[in-house]
């Protein structure tokens, strides 16, 4: 890829399991050139999508869940307080 001027990113320290191969991040604009290189060199490649949540996404999901839970608890407390106050 370097010989053909294709920009890429790969960091093996951030990859959880490199036994199945190294993950390279490529620009969409280089797709035609990458396809040509793969075909010319008989390279077996895969186009993957992340099947597991990214840790940052998990943190966001946890934050949204926590806010929703707190809002539900606060609403429940208000309903109970109003109900007991009217008796």
PDB file of N, CA and C in Angstrom:
ATOM      1  N   UNK A   1       0.831  -1.184   0.000  1.00  0.00           N
ATOM      2  CA  UNK A   1       0.000   0.000   0.000  1.00  0.00           C
ATOM      3  C   UNK A   1       0.875   1.245   0.000  1.00  0.00           C
ATOM      4  N   UNK A   2       1.981   1.193   0.730  1.00  0.00           N
ATOM      5  CA  UNK A   2       2.879   2.344   0.760  1.00  0.00           C
ATOM      6  C   UNK A   2       3.478   2.599  -0.622  1.00  0.00           C
ATOM      7  N   UNK A   3       3.839   1.517  -1.332  1.00  0.00           N
ATOM      8  CA  UNK A   3       4.432   1.658  -2.665  1.00  0.00           C
ATOM      9  C   UNK A   3       3.466   2.289  -3.658  1.00  0.00           C
ATOM     10  N   UNK A   4       2.168   2.123  -3.434  1.00  0.00           N
ATOM     11  CA  UNK A   4       1.156   2.647  -4.344  1.00  0.00           C
ATOM     12  C   UNK A   4       0.516   3.935  -3.842  1.00  0.00           C
ATOM     13  N   UNK A   5       1.040   4.493  -2.755  1.00  0.00           N
ATOM     14  CA  UNK A   5       0.559   5.774  -2.251  1.00  0.00           C
ATOM     15  C   UNK A   5      -0.830   5.728  -1.630  1.00  0.00           C
ATOM     16  N   UNK A   6      -1.187   4.580  -1.056  1.00  0.00           N
ATOM     17  CA  UNK A   6      -2.499   4.435  -0.422  1.00  0.00           C
ATOM     18  C   UNK A   6      -2.346   4.672   1.073  1.00  0.00           C
ATOM     19  N   UNK A   7      -3.093   5.629   1.592  1.00  0.00           N
ATOM     20  CA  UNK A   7      -3.056   5.924   3.027  1.00  0.00           C
ATOM     21  C   UNK A   7      -3.821   4.845   3.794  1.00  0.00           C
ATOM     22  N   UNK A   8      -3.278   4.447   4.929  1.00  0.00           N
ATOM     23  CA  UNK A   8      -3.948   3.473   5.779  1.00  0.00           C
ATOM     24  C   UNK A   8      -3.533   3.694   7.220  1.00  0.00           C
ATOM     25  N   UNK A   9      -4.274   3.068   8.120  1.00  0.00           N
ATOM     26  CA  UNK A   9      -3.958   3.118   9.549  1.00  0.00           C
ATOM     27  C   UNK A   9      -4.112   1.721  10.118  1.00  0.00           C
ATOM     28  N   UNK A  10      -3.171   1.316  10.936  1.00  0.00           N
ATOM     29  CA  UNK A  10      -3.255   0.050  11.638  1.00  0.00           C
ATOM     30  C   UNK A  10      -2.422   0.163  12.906  1.00  0.00           C
ATOM     31  N   UNK A  11      -2.970  -0.293  14.017  1.00  0.00           N
ATOM     32  CA  UNK A  11      -2.250  -0.279  15.276  1.00  0.00           C
ATOM     33  C   UNK A  11      -2.500  -1.614  15.959  1.00  0.00           C
ATOM     34  N   UNK A  12      -1.513  -2.483  15.930  1.00  0.00           N
ATOM     35  CA  UNK A  12      -1.688  -3.825  16.497  1.00  0.00           C
ATOM     36  C   UNK A  12      -1.843  -3.804  18.007  1.00  0.00           C
ATOM     37  N   UNK A  13      -1.423  -2.721  18.669  1.00  0.00           N
ATOM     38  CA  UNK A  13      -1.587  -2.640  20.121  1.00  0.00           C
ATOM     39  C   UNK A  13      -3.045  -2.451  20.519  1.00  0.00           C
ATOM     40  N   UNK A  14      -3.855  -1.881  19.636  1.00  0.00           N
ATOM     41  CA  UNK A  14      -5.261  -1.621  19.944  1.00  0.00           C
ATOM     42  C   UNK A  14      -6.181  -2.751  19.493  1.00  0.00           C
ATOM     43  N   UNK A  15      -5.645  -3.729  18.785  1.00  0.00           N
ATOM     44  CA  UNK A  15      -6.478  -4.801  18.260  1.00  0.00           C
ATOM     45  C   UNK A  15      -6.536  -5.952  19.261  1.00  0.00           C
ATOM     46  N   UNK A  16      -7.747  -6.399  19.594  1.00  0.00           N
ATOM     47  CA  UNK A  16      -7.884  -7.423  20.636  1.00  0.00           C
ATOM     48  C   UNK A  16      -7.359  -8.796  20.238  1.00  0.00           C
ATOM     49  N   UNK A  17      -7.434  -9.146  18.963  1.00  0.00           N
ATOM     50  CA  UNK A  17      -7.039 -10.486  18.549  1.00  0.00           C
ATOM     51  C   UNK A  17      -6.456 -10.411  17.150  1.00  0.00           C
ATOM     52  N   UNK A  18      -5.131 -10.435  17.054  1.00  0.00           N
ATOM     53  CA  UNK A  18      -4.515 -10.350  15.730  1.00  0.00           C
ATOM     54  C   UNK A  18      -4.233 -11.736  15.145  1.00  0.00           C
ATOM     55  N   UNK A  19      -4.636 -12.793  15.833  1.00  0.00           N
ATOM     56  CA  UNK A  19      -4.431 -14.146  15.322  1.00  0.00           C
ATOM     57  C   UNK A  19      -5.231 -14.370  14.042  1.00  0.00           C
ATOM     58  N   UNK A  20      -6.353 -13.688  13.918  1.00  0.00           N
ATOM     59  CA  UNK A  20      -7.195 -13.832  12.733  1.00  0.00           C
ATOM     60  C   UNK A  20      -6.801 -12.870  11.626  1.00  0.00           C
ATOM     61  N   UNK A  21      -5.817 -12.033  11.851  1.00  0.00           N
ATOM     62  CA  UNK A  21      -5.364 -11.076  10.855  1.00  0.00           C
ATOM     63  C   UNK A  21      -5.274  -9.686  11.447  1.00  0.00           C
ATOM     64  N   UNK A  22      -4.609  -8.815  10.718  1.00  0.00           N
ATOM     65  CA  UNK A  22      -4.445  -7.438  11.171  1.00  0.00           C
ATOM     66  C   UNK A  22      -5.492  -6.577  10.480  1.00  0.00           C
ATOM     67  N   UNK A  23      -6.102  -5.707  11.247  1.00  0.00           N
ATOM     68  CA  UNK A  23      -7.144  -4.831  10.728  1.00  0.00           C
ATOM     69  C   UNK A  23      -6.503  -3.532  10.239  1.00  0.00           C
ATOM     70  N   UNK A  24      -6.757  -3.209   8.976  1.00  0.00           N
ATOM     71  CA  UNK A  24      -6.289  -1.958   8.387  1.00  0.00           C
ATOM     72  C   UNK A  24      -7.496  -1.063   8.146  1.00  0.00           C
ATOM     73  N   UNK A  25      -7.330   0.216   8.401  1.00  0.00           N
ATOM     74  CA  UNK A  25      -8.381   1.185   8.149  1.00  0.00           C
ATOM     75  C   UNK A  25      -7.982   1.971   6.910  1.00  0.00           C
ATOM     76  N   UNK A  26      -8.850   1.959   5.906  1.00  0.00           N
ATOM     77  CA  UNK A  26      -8.550   2.549   4.606  1.00  0.00           C
ATOM     78  C   UNK A  26      -9.582   3.609   4.251  1.00  0.00           C
ATOM     79  N   UNK A  27      -9.190   4.518   3.378  1.00  0.00           N
ATOM     80  CA  UNK A  27     -10.105   5.556   2.916  1.00  0.00           C
ATOM     81  C   UNK A  27     -11.018   5.012   1.817  1.00  0.00           C
ATOM     82  N   UNK A  28     -12.270   5.421   1.825  1.00  0.00           N
ATOM     83  CA  UNK A  28     -13.217   4.993   0.790  1.00  0.00           C
ATOM     84  C   UNK A  28     -12.790   5.493  -0.585  1.00  0.00           C
ATOM     85  N   UNK A  29     -12.126   6.619  -0.629  1.00  0.00           N
ATOM     86  CA  UNK A  29     -11.702   7.192  -1.911  1.00  0.00           C
ATOM     87  C   UNK A  29     -10.643   6.338  -2.609  1.00  0.00           C
ATOM     88  N   UNK A  30      -9.969   5.452  -1.875  1.00  0.00           N
ATOM     89  CA  UNK A  30      -8.943   4.573  -2.451  1.00  0.00           C
ATOM     90  C   UNK A  30      -9.479   3.200  -2.839  1.00  0.00           C
ATOM     91  N   UNK A  31     -10.791   3.019  -2.781  1.00  0.00           N
ATOM     92  CA  UNK A  31     -11.395   1.702  -2.992  1.00  0.00           C
ATOM     93  C   UNK A  31     -11.025   1.075  -4.340  1.00  0.00           C
ATOM     94  N   UNK A  32     -11.076   1.825  -5.403  1.00  0.00           N
ATOM     95  CA  UNK A  32     -10.788   1.273  -6.735  1.00  0.00           C
ATOM     96  C   UNK A  32      -9.342   0.790  -6.810  1.00  0.00           C
ATOM     97  N   UNK A  33      -8.411   1.583  -6.307  1.00  0.00           N
ATOM     98  CA  UNK A  33      -6.993   1.204  -6.326  1.00  0.00           C
ATOM     99  C   UNK A  33      -6.743  -0.008  -5.429  1.00  0.00           C
ATOM    100  N   UNK A  34      -7.384  -0.062  -4.279  1.00  0.00           N
ATOM    101  CA  UNK A  34      -7.228  -1.200  -3.365  1.00  0.00           C
ATOM    102  C   UNK A  34      -7.769  -2.475  -4.007  1.00  0.00           C
ATOM    103  N   UNK A  35      -8.940  -2.381  -4.646  1.00  0.00           N
ATOM    104  CA  UNK A  35      -9.507  -3.550  -5.329  1.00  0.00           C
ATOM    105  C   UNK A  35      -8.567  -4.050  -6.421  1.00  0.00           C
ATOM    106  N   UNK A  36      -7.935  -3.131  -7.144  1.00  0.00           N
ATOM    107  CA  UNK A  36      -7.002  -3.516  -8.202  1.00  0.00           C
ATOM    108  C   UNK A  36      -5.796  -4.240  -7.603  1.00  0.00           C
ATOM    109  N   UNK A  37      -5.242  -3.715  -6.500  1.00  0.00           N
ATOM    110  CA  UNK A  37      -4.098  -4.350  -5.849  1.00  0.00           C
ATOM    111  C   UNK A  37      -4.432  -5.742  -5.312  1.00  0.00           C
ATOM    112  N   UNK A  38      -5.599  -5.873  -4.726  1.00  0.00           N
ATOM    113  CA  UNK A  38      -6.023  -7.168  -4.180  1.00  0.00           C
ATOM    114  C   UNK A  38      -6.126  -8.205  -5.293  1.00  0.00           C
ATOM    115  N   UNK A  39      -6.757  -7.819  -6.392  1.00  0.00           N
ATOM    116  CA  UNK A  39      -6.910  -8.750  -7.514  1.00  0.00           C
ATOM    117  C   UNK A  39      -5.561  -9.084  -8.152  1.00  0.00           C
ATOM    118  N   UNK A  40      -4.704  -8.095  -8.329  1.00  0.00           N
ATOM    119  CA  UNK A  40      -3.416  -8.315  -8.989  1.00  0.00           C
ATOM    120  C   UNK A  40      -2.489  -9.195  -8.164  1.00  0.00           C
ATOM    121  N   UNK A  41      -2.571  -9.110  -6.846  1.00  0.00           N
ATOM    122  CA  UNK A  41      -1.678  -9.872  -5.967  1.00  0.00           C
ATOM    123  C   UNK A  41      -2.323 -11.114  -5.365  1.00  0.00           C
ATOM    124  N   UNK A  42      -3.544 -11.447  -5.791  1.00  0.00           N
ATOM    125  CA  UNK A  42      -4.262 -12.636  -5.317  1.00  0.00           C
ATOM    126  C   UNK A  42      -4.346 -12.667  -3.792  1.00  0.00           C
ATOM    127  N   UNK A  43      -4.702 -11.539  -3.209  1.00  0.00           N
ATOM    128  CA  UNK A  43      -4.811 -11.412  -1.763  1.00  0.00           C
ATOM    129  C   UNK A  43      -6.224 -11.773  -1.327  1.00  0.00           C
ATOM    130  N   UNK A  44      -6.333 -12.554  -0.267  1.00  0.00           N
ATOM    131  CA  UNK A  44      -7.628 -12.878   0.302  1.00  0.00           C
ATOM    132  C   UNK A  44      -7.894 -11.846   1.391  1.00  0.00           C
ATOM    133  N   UNK A  45      -8.949 -11.073   1.223  1.00  0.00           N
ATOM    134  CA  UNK A  45      -9.266 -10.038   2.203  1.00  0.00           C
ATOM    135  C   UNK A  45     -10.724 -10.150   2.606  1.00  0.00           C
ATOM    136  N   UNK A  46     -11.077  -9.441   3.655  1.00  0.00           N
ATOM    137  CA  UNK A  46     -12.472  -9.418   4.089  1.00  0.00           C
ATOM    138  C   UNK A  46     -12.857  -7.987   4.402  1.00  0.00           C
ATOM    139  N   UNK A  47     -14.116  -7.709   4.204  1.00  0.00           N
ATOM    140  CA  UNK A  47     -14.669  -6.404   4.542  1.00  0.00           C
ATOM    141  C   UNK A  47     -15.547  -6.645   5.754  1.00  0.00           C
ATOM    142  N   UNK A  48     -15.110  -6.202   6.901  1.00  0.00           N
ATOM    143  CA  UNK A  48     -15.845  -6.512   8.124  1.00  0.00           C
ATOM    144  C   UNK A  48     -16.541  -5.290   8.669  1.00  0.00           C
ATOM    145  N   UNK A  49     -17.566  -5.556   9.391  1.00  0.00           N
ATOM    146  CA  UNK A  49     -18.199  -4.507  10.181  1.00  0.00           C
ATOM    147  C   UNK A  49     -18.077  -4.940  11.636  1.00  0.00           C
ATOM    148  N   UNK A  50     -18.007  -3.994  12.520  1.00  0.00           N
ATOM    149  CA  UNK A  50     -17.831  -4.325  13.930  1.00  0.00           C
ATOM    150  C   UNK A  50     -19.071  -5.040  14.458  1.00  0.00           C
ATOM    151  N   UNK A  51     -18.861  -6.253  14.955  1.00  0.00           N
ATOM    152  CA  UNK A  51     -19.981  -7.013  15.500  1.00  0.00           C
ATOM    153  C   UNK A  51     -20.126  -6.807  16.999  1.00  0.00           C
ATOM    154  N   UNK A  52     -19.096  -6.242  17.616  1.00  0.00           N
ATOM    155  CA  UNK A  52     -19.186  -5.979  19.049  1.00  0.00           C
ATOM    156  C   UNK A  52     -19.203  -4.473  19.274  1.00  0.00           C
ATOM    157  N   UNK A  53     -19.749  -4.087  20.391  1.00  0.00           N
ATOM    158  CA  UNK A  53     -19.823  -2.671  20.712  1.00  0.00           C
ATOM    159  C   UNK A  53     -18.437  -2.112  20.987  1.00  0.00           C
ATOM    160  N   UNK A  54     -18.212  -0.946  20.493  1.00  0.00           N
ATOM    161  CA  UNK A  54     -17.002  -0.217  20.831  1.00  0.00           C
ATOM    162  C   UNK A  54     -17.125   0.221  22.288  1.00  0.00           C
ATOM    163  N   UNK A  55     -16.022   0.298  23.006  1.00  0.00           N
ATOM    164  CA  UNK A  55     -16.074   0.677  24.417  1.00  0.00           C
ATOM    165  C   UNK A  55     -16.679   2.056  24.603  1.00  0.00           C
ATOM    166  N   UNK A  56     -16.424   2.978  23.677  1.00  0.00           N
ATOM    167  CA  UNK A  56     -17.011   4.313  23.778  1.00  0.00           C
ATOM    168  C   UNK A  56     -18.527   4.237  23.615  1.00  0.00           C
ATOM    169  N   UNK A  57     -19.007   3.381  22.696  1.00  0.00           N
ATOM    170  CA  UNK A  57     -20.445   3.209  22.510  1.00  0.00           C
ATOM    171  C   UNK A  57     -21.075   2.596  23.753  1.00  0.00           C
ATOM    172  N   UNK A  58     -20.377   1.653  24.385  1.00  0.00           N
ATOM    173  CA  UNK A  58     -20.877   1.021  25.602  1.00  0.00           C
ATOM    174  C   UNK A  58     -21.010   2.052  26.716  1.00  0.00           C
ATOM    175  N   UNK A  59     -20.059   2.967  26.800  1.00  0.00           N
ATOM    176  CA  UNK A  59     -20.124   4.031  27.801  1.00  0.00           C
ATOM    177  C   UNK A  59     -21.309   4.950  27.566  1.00  0.00           C
ATOM    178  N   UNK A  60     -21.570   5.272  26.314  1.00  0.00           N
ATOM    179  CA  UNK A  60     -22.715   6.121  25.979  1.00  0.00           C
ATOM    180  C   UNK A  60     -24.017   5.408  26.320  1.00  0.00           C
ATOM    181  N   UNK A  61     -24.079   4.126  26.005  1.00  0.00           N
ATOM    182  CA  UNK A  61     -25.274   3.337  26.292  1.00  0.00           C
ATOM    183  C   UNK A  61     -25.513   3.276  27.800  1.00  0.00           C
ATOM    184  N   UNK A  62     -24.456   3.093  28.561  1.00  0.00           N
ATOM    185  CA  UNK A  62     -24.576   3.060  30.015  1.00  0.00           C
ATOM    186  C   UNK A  62     -25.071   4.394  30.555  1.00  0.00           C
ATOM    187  N   UNK A  63     -24.564   5.490  30.014  1.00  0.00           N
ATOM    188  CA  UNK A  63     -24.978   6.820  30.460  1.00  0.00           C
ATOM    189  C   UNK A  63     -26.456   7.056  30.164  1.00  0.00           C
ATOM    190  N   UNK A  64     -26.917   6.700  28.969  1.00  0.00           N
ATOM    191  CA  UNK A  64     -28.333   6.875  28.610  1.00  0.00           C
ATOM    192  C   UNK A  64     -29.215   6.012  29.506  1.00  0.00           C
ATOM    193  N   UNK A  65     -28.800   4.768  29.737  1.00  0.00           N
ATOM    194  CA  UNK A  65     -29.566   3.881  30.594  1.00  0.00           C
ATOM    195  C   UNK A  65     -29.650   4.438  32.012  1.00  0.00           C
ATOM    196  N   UNK A  66     -28.538   4.962  32.528  1.00  0.00           N
ATOM    197  CA  UNK A  66     -28.519   5.523  33.885  1.00  0.00           C
ATOM    198  C   UNK A  66     -29.433   6.726  34.014  1.00  0.00           C
ATOM    199  N   UNK A  67     -29.409   7.612  33.038  1.00  0.00           N
ATOM    200  CA  UNK A  67     -30.273   8.799  33.063  1.00  0.00           C
ATOM    201  C   UNK A  67     -31.741   8.380  33.012  1.00  0.00           C
ATOM    202  N   UNK A  68     -32.072   7.413  32.158  1.00  0.00           N
ATOM    203  CA  UNK A  68     -33.453   6.944  32.065  1.00  0.00           C
ATOM    204  C   UNK A  68     -33.899   6.299  33.373  1.00  0.00           C
ATOM    205  N   UNK A  69     -33.025   5.534  34.003  1.00  0.00           N
ATOM    206  CA  UNK A  69     -33.353   4.888  35.265  1.00  0.00           C
ATOM    207  C   UNK A  69     -33.582   5.917  36.374  1.00  0.00           C
ATOM    208  N   UNK A  70     -32.732   6.916  36.450  1.00  0.00           N
ATOM    209  CA  UNK A  70     -32.884   7.976  37.458  1.00  0.00           C
ATOM    210  C   UNK A  70     -34.181   8.753  37.232  1.00  0.00           C
ATOM    211  N   UNK A  71     -34.497   9.049  35.968  1.00  0.00           N
ATOM    212  CA  UNK A  71     -35.736   9.768  35.659  1.00  0.00           C
ATOM    213  C   UNK A  71     -36.953   8.936  36.055  1.00  0.00           C
ATOM    214  N   UNK A  72     -36.910   7.643  35.794  1.00  0.00           N
ATOM    215  CA  UNK A  72     -38.016   6.761  36.164  1.00  0.00           C
ATOM    216  C   UNK A  72     -38.169   6.676  37.685  1.00  0.00           C
ATOM    217  N   UNK A  73     -37.073   6.583  38.402  1.00  0.00           N
ATOM    218  CA  UNK A  73     -37.140   6.551  39.863  1.00  0.00           C
ATOM    219  C   UNK A  73     -37.685   7.867  40.424  1.00  0.00           C
ATOM    220  N   UNK A  74     -37.232   8.986  39.880  1.00  0.00           N
ATOM    221  CA  UNK A  74     -37.717  10.289  40.344  1.00  0.00           C
ATOM    222  C   UNK A  74     -39.216  10.427  40.087  1.00  0.00           C
ATOM    223  N   UNK A  75     -39.669   9.998  38.918  1.00  0.00           N
ATOM    224  CA  UNK A  75     -41.104  10.053  38.586  1.00  0.00           C
ATOM    225  C   UNK A  75     -41.902   9.164  39.535  1.00  0.00           C
ATOM    226  N   UNK A  76     -41.376   7.984  39.844  1.00  0.00           N
ATOM    227  CA  UNK A  76     -42.069   7.073  40.765  1.00  0.00           C
ATOM    228  C   UNK A  76     -42.176   7.683  42.160  1.00  0.00           C
ATOM    229  N   UNK A  77     -41.106   8.309  42.621  1.00  0.00           N
ATOM    230  CA  UNK A  77     -41.119   8.946  43.942  1.00  0.00           C
ATOM    231  C   UNK A  77     -42.137  10.080  43.982  1.00  0.00           C
ATOM    232  N   UNK A  78     -42.194  10.879  42.924  1.00  0.00           N
ATOM    233  CA  UNK A  78     -43.156  11.988  42.853  1.00  0.00           C
ATOM    234  C   UNK A  78     -44.592  11.454  42.878  1.00  0.00           C
ATOM    235  N   UNK A  79     -44.862  10.395  42.113  1.00  0.00           N
ATOM    236  CA  UNK A  79     -46.218   9.818  42.066  1.00  0.00           C
ATOM    237  C   UNK A  79     -46.598   9.285  43.451  1.00  0.00           C
ATOM    238  N   UNK A  80     -45.686   8.588  44.105  1.00  0.00           N
ATOM    239  CA  UNK A  80     -45.978   8.042  45.444  1.00  0.00           C
ATOM    240  C   UNK A  80     -46.192   9.187  46.437  1.00  0.00           C
ATOM    241  N   UNK A  81     -45.391  10.234  46.381  1.00  0.00           N
ATOM    242  CA  UNK A  81     -45.527  11.364  47.296  1.00  0.00           C
ATOM    243  C   UNK A  81     -46.870  12.081  47.089  1.00  0.00           C
ATOM    244  N   UNK A  82     -47.273  12.270  45.840  1.00  0.00           N
ATOM    245  CA  UNK A  82     -48.555  12.932  45.548  1.00  0.00           C
ATOM    246  C   UNK A  82     -49.701  12.047  46.003  1.00  0.00           C
ATOM    247  N   UNK A  83     -49.611  10.758  45.766  1.00  0.00           N
ATOM    248  CA  UNK A  83     -50.682   9.819  46.162  1.00  0.00           C
ATOM    249  C   UNK A  83     -50.817   9.770  47.679  1.00  0.00           C
ATOM    250  N   UNK A  84     -49.707   9.702  48.399  1.00  0.00           N
ATOM    251  CA  UNK A  84     -49.769   9.657  49.863  1.00  0.00           C
ATOM    252  C   UNK A  84     -50.190  11.010  50.442  1.00  0.00           C
ATOM    253  N   UNK A  85     -49.845  12.093  49.778  1.00  0.00           N
ATOM    254  CA  UNK A  85     -50.201  13.411  50.253  1.00  0.00           C
ATOM    255  C   UNK A  85     -51.696  13.729  50.112  1.00  0.00           C
ATOM    256  N   UNK A  86     -52.369  13.071  49.170  1.00  0.00           N
ATOM    257  CA  UNK A  86     -53.788  13.288  48.939  1.00  0.00           C
ATOM    258  C   UNK A  86     -54.661  12.406  49.832  1.00  0.00           C
ATOM    259  N   UNK A  87     -54.095  11.540  50.623  1.00  0.00           N
ATOM    260  CA  UNK A  87     -54.915  10.649  51.466  1.00  0.00           C
ATOM    261  C   UNK A  87     -55.253  11.249  52.774  1.00  0.00           C
TER     262      UNK A  87
END
